[in-house]
C-alpha cells in the first residue's frame, strides 16, 4: 500500500479503521482525500440533523464494504468507521472510487 491516502487507514483488531471527514448538506455527493486533515472527505446531501448524515455515511460504507460501524465521532464531522476488511482491500476499493 502506497500513497498519502494510507494515512486515513489504520489496522484495527476487527478490521480496518477509516478516518473520515463529513461535509453534510452538500449540493453533490463526492469522496476525496484531504491531505491536510489526512482523512477521507465525504460530501453528502443529508443534513447533520437527527442522525440523517450518520445513516447516509453508514449506508455508503455498507454498500462498498458490506459491513460498517461508526466507532468514533457520532456527533462530530470527523469520524472513524470500522469495516471488516483488511487494509489492502480497503485501500484498493477507496482508491478506485477516488481516482
PDB file of N, CA and C in Angstrom:
ATOM      1  N   UNK A   1       0.852  -1.182   0.000  1.00  0.00           N
ATOM      2  CA  UNK A   1       0.000   0.000   0.000  1.00  0.00           C
ATOM      3  C   UNK A   1       0.892   1.237   0.000  1.00  0.00           C
ATOM      4  N   UNK A   2       0.647   2.112  -0.938  1.00  0.00           N
ATOM      5  CA  UNK A   2       1.440   3.331  -1.003  1.00  0.00           C
ATOM      6  C   UNK A   2       0.505   4.519  -1.199  1.00  0.00           C
ATOM      7  N   UNK A   3       1.065   5.698  -1.223  1.00  0.00           N
ATOM      8  CA  UNK A   3       0.250   6.893  -1.413  1.00  0.00           C
ATOM      9  C   UNK A   3      -0.136   7.515  -0.092  1.00  0.00           C
ATOM     10  N   UNK A   4      -0.473   8.775  -0.167  1.00  0.00           N
ATOM     11  CA  UNK A   4      -0.784   9.525   1.038  1.00  0.00           C
ATOM     12  C   UNK A   4      -2.104   9.096   1.674  1.00  0.00           C
ATOM     13  N   UNK A   5      -3.021   8.571   0.882  1.00  0.00           N
ATOM     14  CA  UNK A   5      -4.323   8.183   1.416  1.00  0.00           C
ATOM     15  C   UNK A   5      -4.198   7.146   2.536  1.00  0.00           C
ATOM     16  N   UNK A   6      -3.100   6.416   2.554  1.00  0.00           N
ATOM     17  CA  UNK A   6      -2.909   5.400   3.591  1.00  0.00           C
ATOM     18  C   UNK A   6      -2.943   6.003   4.990  1.00  0.00           C
ATOM     19  N   UNK A   7      -2.669   7.321   5.112  1.00  0.00           N
ATOM     20  CA  UNK A   7      -2.710   7.980   6.418  1.00  0.00           C
ATOM     21  C   UNK A   7      -4.114   7.968   7.025  1.00  0.00           C
ATOM     22  N   UNK A   8      -5.131   7.807   6.203  1.00  0.00           N
ATOM     23  CA  UNK A   8      -6.511   7.779   6.674  1.00  0.00           C
ATOM     24  C   UNK A   8      -6.955   6.378   7.098  1.00  0.00           C
ATOM     25  N   UNK A   9      -6.093   5.377   6.904  1.00  0.00           N
ATOM     26  CA  UNK A   9      -6.439   3.988   7.203  1.00  0.00           C
ATOM     27  C   UNK A   9      -5.543   3.433   8.294  1.00  0.00           C
ATOM     28  N   UNK A  10      -6.156   2.668   9.204  1.00  0.00           N
ATOM     29  CA  UNK A  10      -5.401   2.026  10.277  1.00  0.00           C
ATOM     30  C   UNK A  10      -5.911   0.603  10.462  1.00  0.00           C
ATOM     31  N   UNK A  11      -4.991  -0.305  10.761  1.00  0.00           N
ATOM     32  CA  UNK A  11      -5.409  -1.671  11.058  1.00  0.00           C
ATOM     33  C   UNK A  11      -5.983  -1.701  12.456  1.00  0.00           C
ATOM     34  N   UNK A  12      -7.167  -2.264  12.571  1.00  0.00           N
ATOM     35  CA  UNK A  12      -7.808  -2.419  13.866  1.00  0.00           C
ATOM     36  C   UNK A  12      -7.877  -3.877  14.248  1.00  0.00           C
ATOM     37  N   UNK A  13      -8.339  -4.127  15.444  1.00  0.00           N
ATOM     38  CA  UNK A  13      -8.450  -5.502  15.939  1.00  0.00           C
ATOM     39  C   UNK A  13      -9.451  -6.324  15.130  1.00  0.00           C
ATOM     40  N   UNK A  14     -10.528  -5.678  14.699  1.00  0.00           N
ATOM     41  CA  UNK A  14     -11.595  -6.387  13.991  1.00  0.00           C
ATOM     42  C   UNK A  14     -11.745  -5.988  12.525  1.00  0.00           C
ATOM     43  N   UNK A  15     -10.728  -5.337  11.964  1.00  0.00           N
ATOM     44  CA  UNK A  15     -10.811  -4.903  10.576  1.00  0.00           C
ATOM     45  C   UNK A  15      -9.970  -3.663  10.346  1.00  0.00           C
ATOM     46  N   UNK A  16     -10.451  -2.797   9.475  1.00  0.00           N
ATOM     47  CA  UNK A  16      -9.735  -1.565   9.144  1.00  0.00           C
ATOM     48  C   UNK A  16     -10.540  -0.364   9.615  1.00  0.00           C
ATOM     49  N   UNK A  17      -9.841   0.596  10.194  1.00  0.00           N
ATOM     50  CA  UNK A  17     -10.459   1.836  10.654  1.00  0.00           C
ATOM     51  C   UNK A  17     -10.163   2.900   9.603  1.00  0.00           C
ATOM     52  N   UNK A  18     -11.222   3.545   9.138  1.00  0.00           N
ATOM     53  CA  UNK A  18     -11.109   4.602   8.142  1.00  0.00           C
ATOM     54  C   UNK A  18     -11.459   5.921   8.813  1.00  0.00           C
ATOM     55  N   UNK A  19     -10.526   6.869   8.792  1.00  0.00           N
ATOM     56  CA  UNK A  19     -10.784   8.203   9.332  1.00  0.00           C
ATOM     57  C   UNK A  19     -11.403   9.046   8.233  1.00  0.00           C
ATOM     58  N   UNK A  20     -12.590   9.584   8.518  1.00  0.00           N
ATOM     59  CA  UNK A  20     -13.299  10.373   7.511  1.00  0.00           C
ATOM     60  C   UNK A  20     -13.650  11.748   8.056  1.00  0.00           C
ATOM     61  N   UNK A  21     -13.965  12.621   7.139  1.00  0.00           N
ATOM     62  CA  UNK A  21     -14.428  13.970   7.433  1.00  0.00           C
ATOM     63  C   UNK A  21     -15.697  14.151   6.614  1.00  0.00           C
ATOM     64  N   UNK A  22     -16.807  14.430   7.272  1.00  0.00           N
ATOM     65  CA  UNK A  22     -18.099  14.517   6.594  1.00  0.00           C
ATOM     66  C   UNK A  22     -18.454  15.979   6.325  1.00  0.00           C
ATOM     67  N   UNK A  23     -18.891  16.249   5.111  1.00  0.00           N
ATOM     68  CA  UNK A  23     -19.395  17.572   4.740  1.00  0.00           C
ATOM     69  C   UNK A  23     -20.873  17.380   4.416  1.00  0.00           C
ATOM     70  N   UNK A  24     -21.750  17.627   5.418  1.00  0.00           N
ATOM     71  CA  UNK A  24     -23.187  17.413   5.204  1.00  0.00           C
ATOM     72  C   UNK A  24     -23.813  18.546   4.385  1.00  0.00           C
ATOM     73  N   UNK A  25     -25.041  18.311   3.924  1.00  0.00           N
ATOM     74  CA  UNK A  25     -25.830  19.315   3.218  1.00  0.00           C
ATOM     75  C   UNK A  25     -25.104  19.846   1.982  1.00  0.00           C
ATOM     76  N   UNK A  26     -24.410  18.964   1.288  1.00  0.00           N
ATOM     77  CA  UNK A  26     -23.646  19.341   0.101  1.00  0.00           C
ATOM     78  C   UNK A  26     -24.546  19.269  -1.133  1.00  0.00           C
ATOM     79  N   UNK A  27     -24.210  20.040  -2.133  1.00  0.00           N
ATOM     80  CA  UNK A  27     -25.003  20.030  -3.367  1.00  0.00           C
ATOM     81  C   UNK A  27     -24.728  18.791  -4.209  1.00  0.00           C
ATOM     82  N   UNK A  28     -23.586  18.117  -3.937  1.00  0.00           N
ATOM     83  CA  UNK A  28     -23.245  16.919  -4.690  1.00  0.00           C
ATOM     84  C   UNK A  28     -22.607  15.876  -3.780  1.00  0.00           C
ATOM     85  N   UNK A  29     -22.732  14.608  -4.179  1.00  0.00           N
ATOM     86  CA  UNK A  29     -22.055  13.528  -3.469  1.00  0.00           C
ATOM     87  C   UNK A  29     -20.651  13.403  -4.033  1.00  0.00           C
ATOM     88  N   UNK A  30     -19.666  13.315  -3.146  1.00  0.00           N
ATOM     89  CA  UNK A  30     -18.280  13.205  -3.612  1.00  0.00           C
ATOM     90  C   UNK A  30     -17.417  12.595  -2.517  1.00  0.00           C
ATOM     91  N   UNK A  31     -16.458  11.757  -2.924  1.00  0.00           N
ATOM     92  CA  UNK A  31     -15.477  11.194  -1.997  1.00  0.00           C
ATOM     93  C   UNK A  31     -14.101  11.598  -2.503  1.00  0.00           C
ATOM     94  N   UNK A  32     -13.284  12.164  -1.601  1.00  0.00           N
ATOM     95  CA  UNK A  32     -11.941  12.612  -1.967  1.00  0.00           C
ATOM     96  C   UNK A  32     -11.021  12.488  -0.755  1.00  0.00           C
ATOM     97  N   UNK A  33      -9.742  12.611  -0.984  1.00  0.00           N
ATOM     98  CA  UNK A  33      -8.776  12.574   0.116  1.00  0.00           C
ATOM     99  C   UNK A  33      -8.367  13.995   0.469  1.00  0.00           C
ATOM    100  N   UNK A  34      -8.420  14.340   1.766  1.00  0.00           N
ATOM    101  CA  UNK A  34      -7.989  15.645   2.247  1.00  0.00           C
ATOM    102  C   UNK A  34      -6.588  15.484   2.822  1.00  0.00           C
ATOM    103  N   UNK A  35      -5.594  15.954   2.103  1.00  0.00           N
ATOM    104  CA  UNK A  35      -4.202  15.750   2.519  1.00  0.00           C
ATOM    105  C   UNK A  35      -3.840  16.519   3.783  1.00  0.00           C
ATOM    106  N   UNK A  36      -4.562  17.601   4.101  1.00  0.00           N
ATOM    107  CA  UNK A  36      -4.229  18.377   5.290  1.00  0.00           C
ATOM    108  C   UNK A  36      -4.765  17.718   6.563  1.00  0.00           C
ATOM    109  N   UNK A  37      -5.989  17.223   6.511  1.00  0.00           N
ATOM    110  CA  UNK A  37      -6.542  16.553   7.693  1.00  0.00           C
ATOM    111  C   UNK A  37      -6.179  15.072   7.720  1.00  0.00           C
ATOM    112  N   UNK A  38      -5.649  14.563   6.607  1.00  0.00           N
ATOM    113  CA  UNK A  38      -5.296  13.151   6.454  1.00  0.00           C
ATOM    114  C   UNK A  38      -6.503  12.251   6.688  1.00  0.00           C
ATOM    115  N   UNK A  39      -7.619  12.671   6.115  1.00  0.00           N
ATOM    116  CA  UNK A  39      -8.876  11.937   6.219  1.00  0.00           C
ATOM    117  C   UNK A  39      -9.528  11.841   4.840  1.00  0.00           C
ATOM    118  N   UNK A  40     -10.402  10.862   4.694  1.00  0.00           N
ATOM    119  CA  UNK A  40     -11.216  10.744   3.500  1.00  0.00           C
ATOM    120  C   UNK A  40     -12.378  11.725   3.688  1.00  0.00           C
ATOM    121  N   UNK A  41     -12.519  12.678   2.789  1.00  0.00           N
ATOM    122  CA  UNK A  41     -13.606  13.662   2.887  1.00  0.00           C
ATOM    123  C   UNK A  41     -14.781  13.154   2.057  1.00  0.00           C
ATOM    124  N   UNK A  42     -15.948  13.151   2.689  1.00  0.00           N
ATOM    125  CA  UNK A  42     -17.148  12.672   2.019  1.00  0.00           C
ATOM    126  C   UNK A  42     -18.201  13.769   2.063  1.00  0.00           C
ATOM    127  N   UNK A  43     -18.566  14.231   0.880  1.00  0.00           N
ATOM    128  CA  UNK A  43     -19.622  15.235   0.771  1.00  0.00           C
ATOM    129  C   UNK A  43     -20.931  14.491   0.543  1.00  0.00           C
ATOM    130  N   UNK A  44     -21.906  14.765   1.399  1.00  0.00           N
ATOM    131  CA  UNK A  44     -23.199  14.079   1.301  1.00  0.00           C
ATOM    132  C   UNK A  44     -24.324  15.110   1.256  1.00  0.00           C
ATOM    133  N   UNK A  45     -25.469  14.667   0.789  1.00  0.00           N
ATOM    134  CA  UNK A  45     -26.619  15.558   0.662  1.00  0.00           C
ATOM    135  C   UNK A  45     -27.411  15.689   1.966  1.00  0.00           C
ATOM    136  N   UNK A  46     -27.353  14.694   2.815  1.00  0.00           N
ATOM    137  CA  UNK A  46     -28.110  14.719   4.069  1.00  0.00           C
ATOM    138  C   UNK A  46     -27.612  15.813   4.998  1.00  0.00           C
ATOM    139  N   UNK A  47     -28.518  16.299   5.826  1.00  0.00           N
ATOM    140  CA  UNK A  47     -28.162  17.283   6.843  1.00  0.00           C
ATOM    141  C   UNK A  47     -27.677  16.570   8.093  1.00  0.00           C
ATOM    142  N   UNK A  48     -26.901  17.277   8.890  1.00  0.00           N
ATOM    143  CA  UNK A  48     -26.425  16.731  10.160  1.00  0.00           C
ATOM    144  C   UNK A  48     -27.504  16.980  11.210  1.00  0.00           C
ATOM    145  N   UNK A  49     -28.637  16.333  11.022  1.00  0.00           N
ATOM    146  CA  UNK A  49     -29.797  16.562  11.867  1.00  0.00           C
ATOM    147  C   UNK A  49     -30.455  15.222  12.195  1.00  0.00           C
ATOM    148  N   UNK A  50     -30.609  14.946  13.465  1.00  0.00           N
ATOM    149  CA  UNK A  50     -31.280  13.723  13.921  1.00  0.00           C
ATOM    150  C   UNK A  50     -30.668  12.449  13.330  1.00  0.00           C
ATOM    151  N   UNK A  51     -29.366  12.453  13.152  1.00  0.00           N
ATOM    152  CA  UNK A  51     -28.677  11.254  12.682  1.00  0.00           C
ATOM    153  C   UNK A  51     -28.777  10.978  11.196  1.00  0.00           C
ATOM    154  N   UNK A  52     -29.343  11.906  10.424  1.00  0.00           N
ATOM    155  CA  UNK A  52     -29.509  11.677   8.985  1.00  0.00           C
ATOM    156  C   UNK A  52     -28.170  11.479   8.284  1.00  0.00           C
ATOM    157  N   UNK A  53     -27.195  12.330   8.615  1.00  0.00           N
ATOM    158  CA  UNK A  53     -25.876  12.220   7.969  1.00  0.00           C
ATOM    159  C   UNK A  53     -25.208  10.891   8.339  1.00  0.00           C
ATOM    160  N   UNK A  54     -25.294  10.494   9.600  1.00  0.00           N
ATOM    161  CA  UNK A  54     -24.696   9.222  10.032  1.00  0.00           C
ATOM    162  C   UNK A  54     -25.323   8.042   9.297  1.00  0.00           C
ATOM    163  N   UNK A  55     -26.628   8.083   9.109  1.00  0.00           N
ATOM    164  CA  UNK A  55     -27.305   6.998   8.384  1.00  0.00           C
ATOM    165  C   UNK A  55     -26.822   6.921   6.940  1.00  0.00           C
ATOM    166  N   UNK A  56     -26.653   8.079   6.303  1.00  0.00           N
ATOM    167  CA  UNK A  56     -26.182   8.079   4.919  1.00  0.00           C
ATOM    168  C   UNK A  56     -24.742   7.569   4.838  1.00  0.00           C
ATOM    169  N   UNK A  57     -23.899   8.005   5.771  1.00  0.00           N
ATOM    170  CA  UNK A  57     -22.496   7.556   5.793  1.00  0.00           C
ATOM    171  C   UNK A  57     -22.434   6.036   5.961  1.00  0.00           C
ATOM    172  N   UNK A  58     -23.193   5.506   6.917  1.00  0.00           N
ATOM    173  CA  UNK A  58     -23.176   4.054   7.124  1.00  0.00           C
ATOM    174  C   UNK A  58     -23.699   3.315   5.894  1.00  0.00           C
ATOM    175  N   UNK A  59     -24.720   3.844   5.248  1.00  0.00           N
ATOM    176  CA  UNK A  59     -25.259   3.202   4.044  1.00  0.00           C
ATOM    177  C   UNK A  59     -24.217   3.173   2.926  1.00  0.00           C
ATOM    178  N   UNK A  60     -23.475   4.267   2.781  1.00  0.00           N
ATOM    179  CA  UNK A  60     -22.427   4.336   1.748  1.00  0.00           C
ATOM    180  C   UNK A  60     -21.365   3.273   2.003  1.00  0.00           C
ATOM    181  N   UNK A  61     -20.884   3.210   3.244  1.00  0.00           N
ATOM    182  CA  UNK A  61     -19.819   2.254   3.550  1.00  0.00           C
ATOM    183  C   UNK A  61     -20.307   0.821   3.540  1.00  0.00           C
ATOM    184  N   UNK A  62     -21.563   0.587   3.907  1.00  0.00           N
ATOM    185  CA  UNK A  62     -22.109  -0.772   3.837  1.00  0.00           C
ATOM    186  C   UNK A  62     -22.272  -1.218   2.387  1.00  0.00           C
ATOM    187  N   UNK A  63     -22.571  -0.277   1.503  1.00  0.00           N
ATOM    188  CA  UNK A  63     -22.678  -0.613   0.083  1.00  0.00           C
ATOM    189  C   UNK A  63     -21.313  -1.005  -0.492  1.00  0.00           C
ATOM    190  N   UNK A  64     -20.273  -0.327  -0.032  1.00  0.00           N
ATOM    191  CA  UNK A  64     -18.926  -0.604  -0.539  1.00  0.00           C
ATOM    192  C   UNK A  64     -18.323  -1.849   0.111  1.00  0.00           C
ATOM    193  N   UNK A  65     -18.459  -1.954   1.449  1.00  0.00           N
ATOM    194  CA  UNK A  65     -17.749  -2.999   2.205  1.00  0.00           C
ATOM    195  C   UNK A  65     -18.666  -4.042   2.857  1.00  0.00           C
ATOM    196  N   UNK A  66     -19.986  -3.886   2.739  1.00  0.00           N
ATOM    197  CA  UNK A  66     -20.986  -4.791   3.322  1.00  0.00           C
ATOM    198  C   UNK A  66     -21.140  -4.656   4.829  1.00  0.00           C
ATOM    199  N   UNK A  67     -20.140  -4.119   5.498  1.00  0.00           N
ATOM    200  CA  UNK A  67     -20.196  -4.007   6.950  1.00  0.00           C
ATOM    201  C   UNK A  67     -19.483  -2.714   7.344  1.00  0.00           C
ATOM    202  N   UNK A  68     -20.136  -1.871   8.123  1.00  0.00           N
ATOM    203  CA  UNK A  68     -19.520  -0.615   8.545  1.00  0.00           C
ATOM    204  C   UNK A  68     -20.172  -0.121   9.823  1.00  0.00           C
ATOM    205  N   UNK A  69     -19.338   0.326  10.751  1.00  0.00           N
ATOM    206  CA  UNK A  69     -19.821   0.843  12.023  1.00  0.00           C
ATOM    207  C   UNK A  69     -19.068   2.120  12.368  1.00  0.00           C
ATOM    208  N   UNK A  70     -19.802   3.152  12.753  1.00  0.00           N
ATOM    209  CA  UNK A  70     -19.152   4.366  13.240  1.00  0.00           C
ATOM    210  C   UNK A  70     -18.670   4.071  14.653  1.00  0.00           C
ATOM    211  N   UNK A  71     -17.360   4.133  14.869  1.00  0.00           N
ATOM    212  CA  UNK A  71     -16.814   3.810  16.186  1.00  0.00           C
ATOM    213  C   UNK A  71     -16.338   5.044  16.944  1.00  0.00           C
ATOM    214  N   UNK A  72     -16.279   6.174  16.245  1.00  0.00           N
ATOM    215  CA  UNK A  72     -15.829   7.407  16.893  1.00  0.00           C
ATOM    216  C   UNK A  72     -16.395   8.605  16.130  1.00  0.00           C
ATOM    217  N   UNK A  73     -16.845   9.607  16.855  1.00  0.00           N
ATOM    218  CA  UNK A  73     -17.302  10.843  16.230  1.00  0.00           C
ATOM    219  C   UNK A  73     -18.746  10.852  15.803  1.00  0.00           C
ATOM    220  N   UNK A  74     -19.581  10.130  16.506  1.00  0.00           N
ATOM    221  CA  UNK A  74     -21.002  10.051  16.143  1.00  0.00           C
ATOM    222  C   UNK A  74     -21.657  11.438  16.060  1.00  0.00           C
ATOM    223  N   UNK A  75     -21.197  12.376  16.883  1.00  0.00           N
ATOM    224  CA  UNK A  75     -21.762  13.735  16.898  1.00  0.00           C
ATOM    225  C   UNK A  75     -20.740  14.758  16.421  1.00  0.00           C
ATOM    226  N   UNK A  76     -19.902  14.378  15.484  1.00  0.00           N
ATOM    227  CA  UNK A  76     -18.811  15.222  15.025  1.00  0.00           C
ATOM    228  C   UNK A  76     -18.630  15.002  13.522  1.00  0.00           C
ATOM    229  N   UNK A  77     -18.098  15.984  12.834  1.00  0.00           N
ATOM    230  CA  UNK A  77     -17.835  15.818  11.398  1.00  0.00           C
ATOM    231  C   UNK A  77     -16.660  14.884  11.143  1.00  0.00           C
ATOM    232  N   UNK A  78     -15.747  14.808  12.087  1.00  0.00           N
ATOM    233  CA  UNK A  78     -14.619  13.881  11.977  1.00  0.00           C
ATOM    234  C   UNK A  78     -15.023  12.582  12.650  1.00  0.00           C
ATOM    235  N   UNK A  79     -15.013  11.514  11.882  1.00  0.00           N
ATOM    236  CA  UNK A  79     -15.478  10.217  12.359  1.00  0.00           C
ATOM    237  C   UNK A  79     -14.460   9.136  12.028  1.00  0.00           C
ATOM    238  N   UNK A  80     -14.581   8.024  12.721  1.00  0.00           N
ATOM    239  CA  UNK A  80     -13.812   6.827  12.393  1.00  0.00           C
ATOM    240  C   UNK A  80     -14.807   5.706  12.150  1.00  0.00           C
ATOM    241  N   UNK A  81     -14.622   5.019  11.035  1.00  0.00           N
ATOM    242  CA  UNK A  81     -15.505   3.931  10.613  1.00  0.00           C
ATOM    243  C   UNK A  81     -14.717   2.633  10.645  1.00  0.00           C
ATOM    244  N   UNK A  82     -15.307   1.587  11.221  1.00  0.00           N
ATOM    245  CA  UNK A  82     -14.688   0.268  11.221  1.00  0.00           C
ATOM    246  C   UNK A  82     -15.371  -0.586  10.154  1.00  0.00           C
ATOM    247  N   UNK A  83     -14.562  -1.139   9.254  1.00  0.00           N
ATOM    248  CA  UNK A  83     -15.069  -2.081   8.252  1.00  0.00           C
ATOM    249  C   UNK A  83     -14.324  -3.404   8.427  1.00  0.00           C
ATOM    250  N   UNK A  84     -15.013  -4.507   8.173  1.00  0.00           N
ATOM    251  CA  UNK A  84     -14.410  -5.818   8.425  1.00  0.00           C
ATOM    252  C   UNK A  84     -13.704  -6.361   7.182  1.00  0.00           C
ATOM    253  N   UNK A  85     -12.808  -5.560   6.647  1.00  0.00           N
ATOM    254  CA  UNK A  85     -11.954  -5.958   5.524  1.00  0.00           C
ATOM    255  C   UNK A  85     -10.525  -5.615   5.887  1.00  0.00           C
ATOM    256  N   UNK A  86      -9.580  -6.319   5.258  1.00  0.00           N
ATOM    257  CA  UNK A  86      -8.187  -5.987   5.565  1.00  0.00           C
ATOM    258  C   UNK A  86      -7.808  -4.670   4.896  1.00  0.00           C
ATOM    259  N   UNK A  87      -6.766  -4.066   5.400  1.00  0.00           N
ATOM    260  CA  UNK A  87      -6.369  -2.717   5.000  1.00  0.00           C
ATOM    261  C   UNK A  87      -6.037  -2.613   3.510  1.00  0.00           C
ATOM    262  N   UNK A  88      -5.468  -3.647   2.924  1.00  0.00           N
ATOM    263  CA  UNK A  88      -5.136  -3.626   1.491  1.00  0.00           C
ATOM    264  C   UNK A  88      -6.396  -3.571   0.627  1.00  0.00           C
ATOM    265  N   UNK A  89      -7.417  -4.348   0.993  1.00  0.00           N
ATOM    266  CA  UNK A  89      -8.674  -4.343   0.242  1.00  0.00           C
ATOM    267  C   UNK A  89      -9.377  -2.995   0.373  1.00  0.00           C
ATOM    268  N   UNK A  90      -9.360  -2.437   1.583  1.00  0.00           N
ATOM    269  CA  UNK A  90      -9.988  -1.138   1.817  1.00  0.00           C
ATOM    270  C   UNK A  90      -9.286  -0.069   0.974  1.00  0.00           C
ATOM    271  N   UNK A  91      -7.973  -0.064   1.009  1.00  0.00           N
ATOM    272  CA  UNK A  91      -7.189   0.902   0.235  1.00  0.00           C
ATOM    273  C   UNK A  91      -7.507   0.774  -1.257  1.00  0.00           C
ATOM    274  N   UNK A  92      -7.560  -0.455  -1.740  1.00  0.00           N
ATOM    275  CA  UNK A  92      -7.829  -0.699  -3.151  1.00  0.00           C
ATOM    276  C   UNK A  92      -9.212  -0.184  -3.558  1.00  0.00           C
ATOM    277  N   UNK A  93     -10.228  -0.497  -2.764  1.00  0.00           N
ATOM    278  CA  UNK A  93     -11.597  -0.076  -3.096  1.00  0.00           C
ATOM    279  C   UNK A  93     -11.741   1.439  -3.045  1.00  0.00           C
ATOM    280  N   UNK A  94     -11.184   2.065  -2.020  1.00  0.00           N
ATOM    281  CA  UNK A  94     -11.301   3.522  -1.907  1.00  0.00           C
ATOM    282  C   UNK A  94     -10.503   4.201  -3.022  1.00  0.00           C
ATOM    283  N   UNK A  95      -9.363   3.654  -3.372  1.00  0.00           N
ATOM    284  CA  UNK A  95      -8.560   4.212  -4.478  1.00  0.00           C
ATOM    285  C   UNK A  95      -9.339   4.199  -5.786  1.00  0.00           C
ATOM    286  N   UNK A  96     -10.099   3.130  -6.024  1.00  0.00           N
ATOM    287  CA  UNK A  96     -10.918   3.045  -7.237  1.00  0.00           C
ATOM    288  C   UNK A  96     -11.982   4.128  -7.264  1.00  0.00           C
ATOM    289  N   UNK A  97     -12.563   4.417  -6.101  1.00  0.00           N
ATOM    290  CA  UNK A  97     -13.643   5.406  -6.017  1.00  0.00           C
ATOM    291  C   UNK A  97     -13.100   6.821  -6.180  1.00  0.00           C
ATOM    292  N   UNK A  98     -11.961   7.099  -5.577  1.00  0.00           N
ATOM    293  CA  UNK A  98     -11.416   8.458  -5.573  1.00  0.00           C
ATOM    294  C   UNK A  98     -10.794   8.845  -6.912  1.00  0.00           C
ATOM    295  N   UNK A  99     -10.104   7.956  -7.569  1.00  0.00           N
ATOM    296  CA  UNK A  99      -9.396   8.205  -8.847  1.00  0.00           C
ATOM    297  C   UNK A  99      -9.309   9.640  -9.232  1.00  0.00           C
TER     298      UNK A  99
END
